[in-house]
Amino acid sequence: MARKLRVYKAGACYHVFLRGHNRCGVFLDDEDCGRFLRAVKKAALGYGTAIHNFVVMTTHYHLLASPSNEDALPETVQYFSGEYVRYFNRKYERSGTAWNSRYNAVPVKDDRQLLTCMRYVELNPVAANVVASPADYRWSSYAAHAYGARVPWLTKHRTYLALGSTPAIRQAVYRALCEPL
């Protein structure tokens, strides 16, 4: 049976995520995480996809992304996924796919859902008991949103920018949003 055709709207935001094959680790050390994010950066810039936030966990990744045209998101994901799997297979002397399936790209419907997704993505390491605070996790965009850390290829979403009139206010509001309930 043929796969369902995916259609992406330019400028819409999507929650993109994918797990490793059989829920196995696909990001086993800092070098792997860095290599993956460099591939994401190169693909996003090359194919016109804005990346708004991210987290790289041992067994999976999450991104919030907005394509500039209907082909940008699939081309971006295809590029960084393929680049990373080739690297991973060479490094760990293996073959085949590292991913469990096709990537998921769920449309984000409104500003409230976007902030909920941002929070979910960047609090993932806390929920997984990897760290006590999202600020302690290196492989997410939390430091960029909560403290203004520079990630030149990250595009701040308009909803995030609307949290305050200055970077300091936005960051304080975002930190408050990410406090435990």
N, C-alpha and C. Protein backbone atom coordinates (compact mmCIF):
# COMPACT_ATOMS: atom_id res chain seq x y z
N MET A 1 0.84 -1.17 0.00
CA MET A 1 0.00 0.00 0.00
C MET A 1 0.90 1.24 0.00
N ALA A 2 0.52 2.24 -0.76
CA ALA A 2 1.29 3.48 -0.86
C ALA A 2 1.18 4.29 0.43
N ARG A 3 2.23 5.00 0.74
CA ARG A 3 2.21 5.88 1.90
C ARG A 3 1.33 7.09 1.64
N LYS A 4 0.73 7.59 2.70
CA LYS A 4 -0.10 8.79 2.59
C LYS A 4 0.80 9.99 2.25
N LEU A 5 0.38 10.75 1.27
CA LEU A 5 1.12 11.93 0.85
C LEU A 5 1.09 12.99 1.95
N ARG A 6 2.24 13.53 2.27
CA ARG A 6 2.32 14.58 3.28
C ARG A 6 2.37 15.93 2.56
N VAL A 7 1.59 16.86 3.05
CA VAL A 7 1.56 18.20 2.48
C VAL A 7 1.91 19.18 3.58
N TYR A 8 2.90 20.02 3.32
CA TYR A 8 3.35 21.00 4.31
C TYR A 8 3.08 22.40 3.81
N LYS A 9 2.55 23.22 4.68
CA LYS A 9 2.21 24.59 4.33
C LYS A 9 3.38 25.51 4.67
N ALA A 10 3.78 26.33 3.72
CA ALA A 10 4.86 27.28 3.95
C ALA A 10 4.49 28.21 5.11
N GLY A 11 5.42 28.39 6.02
CA GLY A 11 5.22 29.30 7.15
C GLY A 11 4.53 28.68 8.35
N ALA A 12 3.89 27.52 8.17
CA ALA A 12 3.26 26.84 9.31
C ALA A 12 4.35 26.23 10.17
N CYS A 13 4.03 25.98 11.42
CA CYS A 13 5.00 25.38 12.34
C CYS A 13 4.64 23.92 12.57
N TYR A 14 5.66 23.06 12.61
CA TYR A 14 5.47 21.62 12.79
C TYR A 14 6.36 21.11 13.93
N HIS A 15 5.79 20.20 14.73
CA HIS A 15 6.55 19.49 15.75
C HIS A 15 7.08 18.23 15.07
N VAL A 16 8.38 18.19 14.86
CA VAL A 16 9.03 17.10 14.15
C VAL A 16 9.76 16.23 15.18
N PHE A 17 9.55 14.92 15.09
CA PHE A 17 10.23 14.04 16.04
C PHE A 17 10.38 12.65 15.44
N LEU A 18 11.38 11.93 15.97
CA LEU A 18 11.66 10.58 15.48
C LEU A 18 12.51 9.85 16.50
N ARG A 19 12.22 8.57 16.68
CA ARG A 19 12.95 7.71 17.62
C ARG A 19 13.93 6.82 16.87
N GLY A 20 14.90 6.35 17.61
CA GLY A 20 15.84 5.37 17.08
C GLY A 20 15.16 4.03 16.87
N HIS A 21 15.72 3.23 15.98
CA HIS A 21 15.18 1.91 15.67
C HIS A 21 15.08 1.07 16.94
N ASN A 22 13.91 0.47 17.16
CA ASN A 22 13.65 -0.34 18.35
C ASN A 22 13.89 0.42 19.65
N ARG A 23 13.72 1.74 19.59
CA ARG A 23 13.94 2.62 20.75
C ARG A 23 15.36 2.56 21.29
N CYS A 24 16.29 2.15 20.43
CA CYS A 24 17.69 2.08 20.82
C CYS A 24 18.33 3.46 20.74
N GLY A 25 19.46 3.60 21.40
CA GLY A 25 20.19 4.85 21.36
C GLY A 25 20.72 5.17 19.98
N VAL A 26 20.58 6.41 19.59
CA VAL A 26 21.13 6.89 18.32
C VAL A 26 22.04 8.09 18.53
N PHE A 27 22.05 8.61 19.75
CA PHE A 27 22.95 9.71 20.12
C PHE A 27 23.67 9.26 21.38
N LEU A 28 24.84 8.64 21.19
CA LEU A 28 25.49 7.94 22.28
C LEU A 28 26.53 8.76 23.02
N ASP A 29 26.95 9.87 22.43
CA ASP A 29 27.91 10.73 23.13
C ASP A 29 27.77 12.16 22.60
N ASP A 30 28.55 13.06 23.18
CA ASP A 30 28.48 14.48 22.79
C ASP A 30 28.84 14.69 21.32
N GLU A 31 29.78 13.90 20.82
CA GLU A 31 30.16 14.02 19.41
C GLU A 31 28.95 13.73 18.51
N ASP A 32 28.18 12.70 18.86
CA ASP A 32 27.00 12.36 18.07
C ASP A 32 25.98 13.50 18.09
N CYS A 33 25.71 14.04 19.25
CA CYS A 33 24.74 15.14 19.36
C CYS A 33 25.19 16.35 18.55
N GLY A 34 26.46 16.71 18.68
CA GLY A 34 26.99 17.84 17.93
C GLY A 34 26.93 17.61 16.43
N ARG A 35 27.27 16.41 16.01
CA ARG A 35 27.25 16.08 14.59
C ARG A 35 25.81 16.18 14.04
N PHE A 36 24.84 15.66 14.81
CA PHE A 36 23.45 15.73 14.39
C PHE A 36 22.99 17.19 14.25
N LEU A 37 23.28 18.02 15.24
CA LEU A 37 22.84 19.42 15.19
C LEU A 37 23.52 20.19 14.07
N ARG A 38 24.76 19.87 13.76
CA ARG A 38 25.42 20.51 12.62
C ARG A 38 24.73 20.11 11.32
N ALA A 39 24.31 18.86 11.21
CA ALA A 39 23.57 18.42 10.01
C ALA A 39 22.21 19.11 9.93
N VAL A 40 21.53 19.26 11.08
CA VAL A 40 20.25 19.98 11.09
C VAL A 40 20.45 21.42 10.64
N LYS A 41 21.45 22.07 11.19
CA LYS A 41 21.75 23.46 10.82
C LYS A 41 22.00 23.59 9.32
N LYS A 42 22.87 22.74 8.78
CA LYS A 42 23.21 22.81 7.36
C LYS A 42 21.98 22.58 6.48
N ALA A 43 21.18 21.58 6.84
CA ALA A 43 19.98 21.27 6.06
C ALA A 43 18.96 22.39 6.15
N ALA A 44 18.73 22.90 7.36
CA ALA A 44 17.73 23.96 7.55
C ALA A 44 18.10 25.21 6.76
N LEU A 45 19.35 25.60 6.83
CA LEU A 45 19.80 26.78 6.09
C LEU A 45 19.77 26.53 4.59
N GLY A 46 20.15 25.34 4.17
CA GLY A 46 20.21 25.02 2.75
C GLY A 46 18.86 24.86 2.08
N TYR A 47 17.88 24.37 2.83
CA TYR A 47 16.57 24.08 2.22
C TYR A 47 15.47 25.06 2.66
N GLY A 48 15.80 26.02 3.49
CA GLY A 48 14.83 27.05 3.84
C GLY A 48 13.82 26.64 4.90
N THR A 49 14.30 25.99 5.95
CA THR A 49 13.43 25.63 7.06
C THR A 49 13.92 26.34 8.32
N ALA A 50 13.04 27.08 8.96
CA ALA A 50 13.40 27.75 10.21
C ALA A 50 13.24 26.76 11.36
N ILE A 51 14.28 26.60 12.15
CA ILE A 51 14.24 25.75 13.34
C ILE A 51 14.03 26.67 14.53
N HIS A 52 12.96 26.44 15.28
CA HIS A 52 12.60 27.29 16.41
C HIS A 52 13.07 26.75 17.75
N ASN A 53 13.04 25.45 17.91
CA ASN A 53 13.64 24.85 19.09
C ASN A 53 13.93 23.39 18.85
N PHE A 54 14.73 22.81 19.75
CA PHE A 54 15.18 21.43 19.56
C PHE A 54 15.59 20.81 20.88
N VAL A 55 15.60 19.50 20.89
CA VAL A 55 16.26 18.73 21.92
C VAL A 55 16.75 17.43 21.27
N VAL A 56 17.93 17.01 21.66
CA VAL A 56 18.50 15.75 21.21
C VAL A 56 18.66 14.88 22.45
N MET A 57 17.92 13.78 22.49
CA MET A 57 17.98 12.84 23.60
C MET A 57 18.73 11.59 23.13
N THR A 58 19.00 10.68 24.01
CA THR A 58 19.75 9.48 23.63
C THR A 58 19.04 8.67 22.54
N THR A 59 17.72 8.53 22.67
CA THR A 59 16.98 7.65 21.76
C THR A 59 16.13 8.37 20.71
N HIS A 60 16.07 9.71 20.76
CA HIS A 60 15.19 10.43 19.85
C HIS A 60 15.54 11.91 19.80
N TYR A 61 14.87 12.61 18.90
CA TYR A 61 15.01 14.07 18.83
C TYR A 61 13.63 14.69 18.64
N HIS A 62 13.55 15.98 18.97
CA HIS A 62 12.35 16.80 18.72
C HIS A 62 12.83 18.12 18.13
N LEU A 63 12.07 18.65 17.19
CA LEU A 63 12.30 19.98 16.63
C LEU A 63 10.96 20.68 16.48
N LEU A 64 10.96 21.99 16.56
CA LEU A 64 9.84 22.79 16.07
C LEU A 64 10.39 23.53 14.87
N ALA A 65 9.72 23.38 13.73
CA ALA A 65 10.27 23.90 12.49
C ALA A 65 9.17 24.47 11.60
N SER A 66 9.54 25.52 10.84
CA SER A 66 8.63 26.14 9.88
C SER A 66 9.29 26.15 8.51
N PRO A 67 8.71 25.43 7.54
CA PRO A 67 9.28 25.43 6.19
C PRO A 67 8.93 26.71 5.43
N SER A 68 9.83 27.14 4.55
CA SER A 68 9.56 28.33 3.75
C SER A 68 8.75 28.01 2.50
N ASN A 69 8.69 26.74 2.15
CA ASN A 69 7.87 26.30 1.02
C ASN A 69 7.44 24.86 1.27
N GLU A 70 6.58 24.32 0.43
CA GLU A 70 6.01 22.99 0.71
C GLU A 70 7.02 21.86 0.66
N ASP A 71 8.16 22.06 0.01
CA ASP A 71 9.18 21.02 -0.09
C ASP A 71 10.29 21.15 0.95
N ALA A 72 10.36 22.29 1.62
CA ALA A 72 11.49 22.57 2.50
C ALA A 72 11.62 21.58 3.65
N LEU A 73 10.53 21.28 4.34
CA LEU A 73 10.63 20.40 5.50
C LEU A 73 11.06 18.98 5.13
N PRO A 74 10.41 18.33 4.16
CA PRO A 74 10.87 16.98 3.82
C PRO A 74 12.31 16.95 3.30
N GLU A 75 12.71 17.97 2.54
CA GLU A 75 14.09 18.00 2.05
C GLU A 75 15.07 18.20 3.20
N THR A 76 14.70 19.05 4.15
CA THR A 76 15.55 19.29 5.32
C THR A 76 15.72 18.01 6.12
N VAL A 77 14.61 17.35 6.44
CA VAL A 77 14.67 16.14 7.26
C VAL A 77 15.39 15.02 6.52
N GLN A 78 15.12 14.88 5.24
CA GLN A 78 15.80 13.84 4.46
C GLN A 78 17.31 14.06 4.48
N TYR A 79 17.73 15.31 4.33
CA TYR A 79 19.16 15.59 4.30
C TYR A 79 19.81 15.29 5.65
N PHE A 80 19.28 15.88 6.74
CA PHE A 80 19.98 15.69 8.01
C PHE A 80 19.87 14.25 8.52
N SER A 81 18.75 13.58 8.21
CA SER A 81 18.61 12.18 8.63
C SER A 81 19.63 11.30 7.91
N GLY A 82 19.74 11.47 6.61
CA GLY A 82 20.70 10.68 5.83
C GLY A 82 22.13 10.97 6.22
N GLU A 83 22.46 12.25 6.39
CA GLU A 83 23.81 12.64 6.80
C GLU A 83 24.17 11.98 8.12
N TYR A 84 23.24 12.06 9.07
CA TYR A 84 23.53 11.54 10.40
C TYR A 84 23.65 10.01 10.38
N VAL A 85 22.78 9.32 9.68
CA VAL A 85 22.85 7.86 9.65
C VAL A 85 24.15 7.40 9.01
N ARG A 86 24.61 8.07 7.96
CA ARG A 86 25.90 7.70 7.35
C ARG A 86 27.03 7.87 8.36
N TYR A 87 27.04 8.98 9.07
CA TYR A 87 28.05 9.21 10.11
C TYR A 87 27.96 8.12 11.20
N PHE A 88 26.75 7.89 11.72
CA PHE A 88 26.52 6.95 12.81
C PHE A 88 26.97 5.54 12.41
N ASN A 89 26.60 5.11 11.20
CA ASN A 89 26.98 3.77 10.75
C ASN A 89 28.49 3.63 10.59
N ARG A 90 29.15 4.66 10.07
CA ARG A 90 30.62 4.61 9.95
C ARG A 90 31.26 4.53 11.33
N LYS A 91 30.83 5.40 12.22
CA LYS A 91 31.44 5.48 13.56
C LYS A 91 31.27 4.18 14.34
N TYR A 92 30.09 3.60 14.28
CA TYR A 92 29.80 2.42 15.10
C TYR A 92 29.85 1.11 14.31
N GLU A 93 30.41 1.18 13.08
CA GLU A 93 30.62 0.01 12.24
C GLU A 93 29.36 -0.84 12.13
N ARG A 94 28.32 -0.20 11.64
CA ARG A 94 27.03 -0.87 11.47
C ARG A 94 26.46 -0.50 10.12
N SER A 95 25.32 -1.08 9.78
CA SER A 95 24.66 -0.75 8.52
C SER A 95 23.16 -0.67 8.76
N GLY A 96 22.46 -0.13 7.77
CA GLY A 96 21.01 -0.03 7.87
C GLY A 96 20.57 1.28 8.50
N THR A 97 19.28 1.35 8.72
CA THR A 97 18.73 2.59 9.26
C THR A 97 18.96 2.70 10.75
N ALA A 98 19.02 3.90 11.23
CA ALA A 98 19.10 4.14 12.68
C ALA A 98 17.72 4.51 13.21
N TRP A 99 16.79 4.82 12.31
CA TRP A 99 15.49 5.35 12.72
C TRP A 99 14.42 4.28 12.74
N ASN A 100 13.44 4.50 13.59
CA ASN A 100 12.35 3.55 13.79
C ASN A 100 11.35 3.54 12.64
N SER A 101 11.14 4.69 12.01
CA SER A 101 10.13 4.81 10.96
C SER A 101 10.36 6.12 10.22
N ARG A 102 9.33 6.55 9.51
CA ARG A 102 9.37 7.90 8.94
C ARG A 102 9.24 8.90 10.07
N TYR A 103 9.77 10.08 9.86
CA TYR A 103 9.64 11.12 10.88
C TYR A 103 8.18 11.56 11.00
N ASN A 104 7.84 12.05 12.17
CA ASN A 104 6.52 12.61 12.41
C ASN A 104 6.63 14.12 12.32
N ALA A 105 5.64 14.76 11.74
CA ALA A 105 5.58 16.22 11.65
C ALA A 105 4.14 16.64 11.91
N VAL A 106 3.88 17.00 13.15
CA VAL A 106 2.52 17.35 13.58
C VAL A 106 2.35 18.86 13.50
N PRO A 107 1.33 19.34 12.77
CA PRO A 107 1.14 20.79 12.67
C PRO A 107 0.79 21.39 14.04
N VAL A 108 1.38 22.54 14.31
CA VAL A 108 1.07 23.28 15.54
C VAL A 108 -0.04 24.25 15.18
N LYS A 109 -1.17 24.15 15.87
CA LYS A 109 -2.38 24.87 15.45
C LYS A 109 -2.45 26.32 15.87
N ASP A 110 -1.90 26.68 17.04
CA ASP A 110 -2.06 28.05 17.51
C ASP A 110 -0.92 28.40 18.48
N ASP A 111 -0.94 29.64 18.98
CA ASP A 111 0.13 30.12 19.85
C ASP A 111 0.21 29.33 21.15
N ARG A 112 -0.93 29.00 21.71
CA ARG A 112 -0.92 28.24 22.96
C ARG A 112 -0.27 26.88 22.77
N GLN A 113 -0.64 26.19 21.68
CA GLN A 113 -0.04 24.89 21.41
C GLN A 113 1.46 25.03 21.13
N LEU A 114 1.85 26.11 20.47
CA LEU A 114 3.27 26.31 20.19
C LEU A 114 4.06 26.44 21.49
N LEU A 115 3.58 27.25 22.42
CA LEU A 115 4.28 27.40 23.70
C LEU A 115 4.29 26.09 24.48
N THR A 116 3.20 25.33 24.40
CA THR A 116 3.14 24.02 25.05
C THR A 116 4.17 23.08 24.45
N CYS A 117 4.29 23.09 23.11
CA CYS A 117 5.29 22.25 22.43
C CYS A 117 6.71 22.67 22.76
N MET A 118 6.95 23.98 22.77
CA MET A 118 8.29 24.47 23.12
C MET A 118 8.68 23.97 24.51
N ARG A 119 7.76 24.12 25.43
CA ARG A 119 7.99 23.70 26.81
C ARG A 119 8.22 22.18 26.86
N TYR A 120 7.37 21.43 26.18
CA TYR A 120 7.50 19.97 26.15
C TYR A 120 8.86 19.55 25.61
N VAL A 121 9.26 20.13 24.50
CA VAL A 121 10.53 19.77 23.87
C VAL A 121 11.69 20.08 24.81
N GLU A 122 11.73 21.29 25.34
CA GLU A 122 12.90 21.70 26.13
C GLU A 122 12.91 21.14 27.55
N LEU A 123 11.76 20.65 28.02
CA LEU A 123 11.72 19.99 29.34
C LEU A 123 11.86 18.47 29.22
N ASN A 124 12.02 17.96 28.02
CA ASN A 124 12.15 16.53 27.80
C ASN A 124 13.26 15.90 28.66
N PRO A 125 14.44 16.50 28.77
CA PRO A 125 15.48 15.90 29.60
C PRO A 125 15.12 15.86 31.09
N VAL A 126 14.32 16.80 31.55
CA VAL A 126 13.86 16.81 32.94
C VAL A 126 12.83 15.69 33.13
N ALA A 127 11.90 15.58 32.21
CA ALA A 127 10.87 14.54 32.29
C ALA A 127 11.49 13.14 32.25
N ALA A 128 12.60 13.00 31.55
CA ALA A 128 13.28 11.70 31.43
C ALA A 128 14.25 11.46 32.59
N ASN A 129 14.28 12.38 33.54
CA ASN A 129 15.18 12.28 34.71
C ASN A 129 16.66 12.24 34.32
N VAL A 130 17.00 12.93 33.25
CA VAL A 130 18.39 13.04 32.84
C VAL A 130 19.06 14.18 33.61
N VAL A 131 18.31 15.27 33.82
CA VAL A 131 18.78 16.43 34.58
C VAL A 131 17.66 16.93 35.48
N ALA A 132 18.01 17.71 36.48
CA ALA A 132 16.99 18.28 37.38
C ALA A 132 16.40 19.56 36.82
N SER A 133 17.18 20.27 36.03
CA SER A 133 16.75 21.55 35.46
C SER A 133 17.07 21.57 33.97
N PRO A 134 16.19 22.15 33.15
CA PRO A 134 16.50 22.20 31.71
C PRO A 134 17.76 23.00 31.41
N ALA A 135 18.13 23.90 32.29
CA ALA A 135 19.35 24.69 32.10
C ALA A 135 20.61 23.82 32.17
N ASP A 136 20.49 22.64 32.77
CA ASP A 136 21.63 21.74 32.92
C ASP A 136 21.84 20.82 31.72
N TYR A 137 20.97 20.92 30.72
CA TYR A 137 21.08 20.02 29.57
C TYR A 137 21.64 20.78 28.39
N ARG A 138 22.74 20.30 27.88
CA ARG A 138 23.47 20.98 26.81
C ARG A 138 22.82 20.87 25.43
N TRP A 139 22.11 19.79 25.16
CA TRP A 139 21.66 19.50 23.80
C TRP A 139 20.21 19.89 23.57
N SER A 140 19.85 21.10 24.01
CA SER A 140 18.53 21.65 23.72
C SER A 140 18.66 23.15 23.50
N SER A 141 17.59 23.74 23.04
CA SER A 141 17.58 25.18 22.79
C SER A 141 17.10 25.97 24.01
N TYR A 142 16.93 25.32 25.15
CA TYR A 142 16.43 26.00 26.34
C TYR A 142 17.29 27.21 26.71
N ALA A 143 18.59 27.08 26.71
CA ALA A 143 19.47 28.20 27.08
C ALA A 143 19.27 29.40 26.16
N ALA A 144 18.96 29.17 24.90
CA ALA A 144 18.72 30.27 23.97
C ALA A 144 17.44 31.02 24.33
N HIS A 145 16.40 30.29 24.67
CA HIS A 145 15.12 30.92 24.99
C HIS A 145 15.07 31.48 26.41
N ALA A 146 15.68 30.80 27.35
CA ALA A 146 15.58 31.20 28.76
C ALA A 146 16.67 32.16 29.21
N TYR A 147 17.82 32.12 28.53
CA TYR A 147 18.96 32.94 28.98
C TYR A 147 19.64 33.73 27.87
N GLY A 148 19.16 33.60 26.64
CA GLY A 148 19.74 34.37 25.55
C GLY A 148 21.02 33.81 24.98
N ALA A 149 21.31 32.53 25.24
CA ALA A 149 22.51 31.92 24.65
C ALA A 149 22.43 32.03 23.13
N ARG A 150 23.55 32.27 22.52
CA ARG A 150 23.59 32.49 21.08
C ARG A 150 23.61 31.17 20.32
N VAL A 151 22.59 30.96 19.52
CA VAL A 151 22.52 29.83 18.57
C VAL A 151 22.13 30.47 17.24
N PRO A 152 23.14 30.88 16.45
CA PRO A 152 22.87 31.71 15.26
C PRO A 152 21.87 31.14 14.26
N TRP A 153 21.78 29.85 14.15
CA TRP A 153 20.89 29.24 13.16
C TRP A 153 19.48 29.01 13.69
N LEU A 154 19.24 29.28 14.96
CA LEU A 154 17.91 29.13 15.55
C LEU A 154 17.09 30.38 15.24
N THR A 155 15.85 30.18 14.78
CA THR A 155 14.96 31.29 14.45
C THR A 155 13.92 31.41 15.55
N LYS A 156 13.91 32.53 16.23
CA LYS A 156 12.91 32.74 17.29
C LYS A 156 11.53 32.86 16.63
N HIS A 157 10.58 32.08 17.11
CA HIS A 157 9.23 32.11 16.57
C HIS A 157 8.53 33.38 17.03
N ARG A 158 7.63 33.90 16.22
CA ARG A 158 6.91 35.14 16.56
C ARG A 158 6.16 35.02 17.88
N THR A 159 5.67 33.83 18.19
CA THR A 159 4.96 33.62 19.46
C THR A 159 5.91 33.79 20.64
N TYR A 160 7.12 33.27 20.52
CA TYR A 160 8.12 33.47 21.56
C TYR A 160 8.47 34.96 21.66
N LEU A 161 8.66 35.62 20.52
CA LEU A 161 9.01 37.04 20.52
C LEU A 161 7.92 37.90 21.16
N ALA A 162 6.68 37.45 21.10
CA ALA A 162 5.55 38.20 21.68
C ALA A 162 5.48 38.07 23.21
N LEU A 163 6.33 37.25 23.79
CA LEU A 163 6.31 37.09 25.26
C LEU A 163 6.78 38.34 25.99
N GLY A 164 7.49 39.23 25.31
CA GLY A 164 7.97 40.45 25.96
C GLY A 164 8.60 41.41 24.98
N SER A 165 8.70 42.66 25.39
CA SER A 165 9.21 43.70 24.49
C SER A 165 10.74 43.75 24.42
N THR A 166 11.41 43.09 25.35
CA THR A 166 12.87 43.04 25.32
C THR A 166 13.32 41.59 25.50
N PRO A 167 14.55 41.28 25.10
CA PRO A 167 15.04 39.92 25.32
C PRO A 167 15.00 39.51 26.80
N ALA A 168 15.36 40.40 27.70
CA ALA A 168 15.36 40.06 29.12
C ALA A 168 13.96 39.71 29.63
N ILE A 169 12.97 40.47 29.19
CA ILE A 169 11.58 40.18 29.60
C ILE A 169 11.12 38.85 29.02
N ARG A 170 11.37 38.63 27.72
CA ARG A 170 10.98 37.37 27.07
C ARG A 170 11.61 36.18 27.80
N GLN A 171 12.89 36.29 28.09
CA GLN A 171 13.60 35.20 28.74
C GLN A 171 13.03 34.92 30.13
N ALA A 172 12.72 35.96 30.88
CA ALA A 172 12.14 35.78 32.22
C ALA A 172 10.76 35.13 32.13
N VAL A 173 9.95 35.57 31.18
CA VAL A 173 8.62 34.98 31.00
C VAL A 173 8.75 33.52 30.60
N TYR A 174 9.68 33.24 29.69
CA TYR A 174 9.86 31.85 29.25
C TYR A 174 10.34 30.96 30.39
N ARG A 175 11.29 31.45 31.19
CA ARG A 175 11.74 30.67 32.35
C ARG A 175 10.57 30.37 33.28
N ALA A 176 9.71 31.36 33.50
CA ALA A 176 8.55 31.16 34.36
C ALA A 176 7.60 30.12 33.76
N LEU A 177 7.41 30.15 32.43
CA LEU A 177 6.57 29.16 31.77
C LEU A 177 7.11 27.73 31.95
N CYS A 178 8.40 27.63 32.06
CA CYS A 178 9.03 26.31 32.15
C CYS A 178 9.23 25.83 33.59
N GLU A 179 8.78 26.59 34.55
CA GLU A 179 8.84 26.15 35.95
C GLU A 179 7.94 24.94 36.12
N PRO A 180 8.31 24.04 37.03
CA PRO A 180 7.44 22.88 37.29
C PRO A 180 6.05 23.34 37.75
N LEU A 181 5.04 22.60 37.34
CA LEU A 181 3.68 22.94 37.71
C LEU A 181 3.41 22.59 39.17
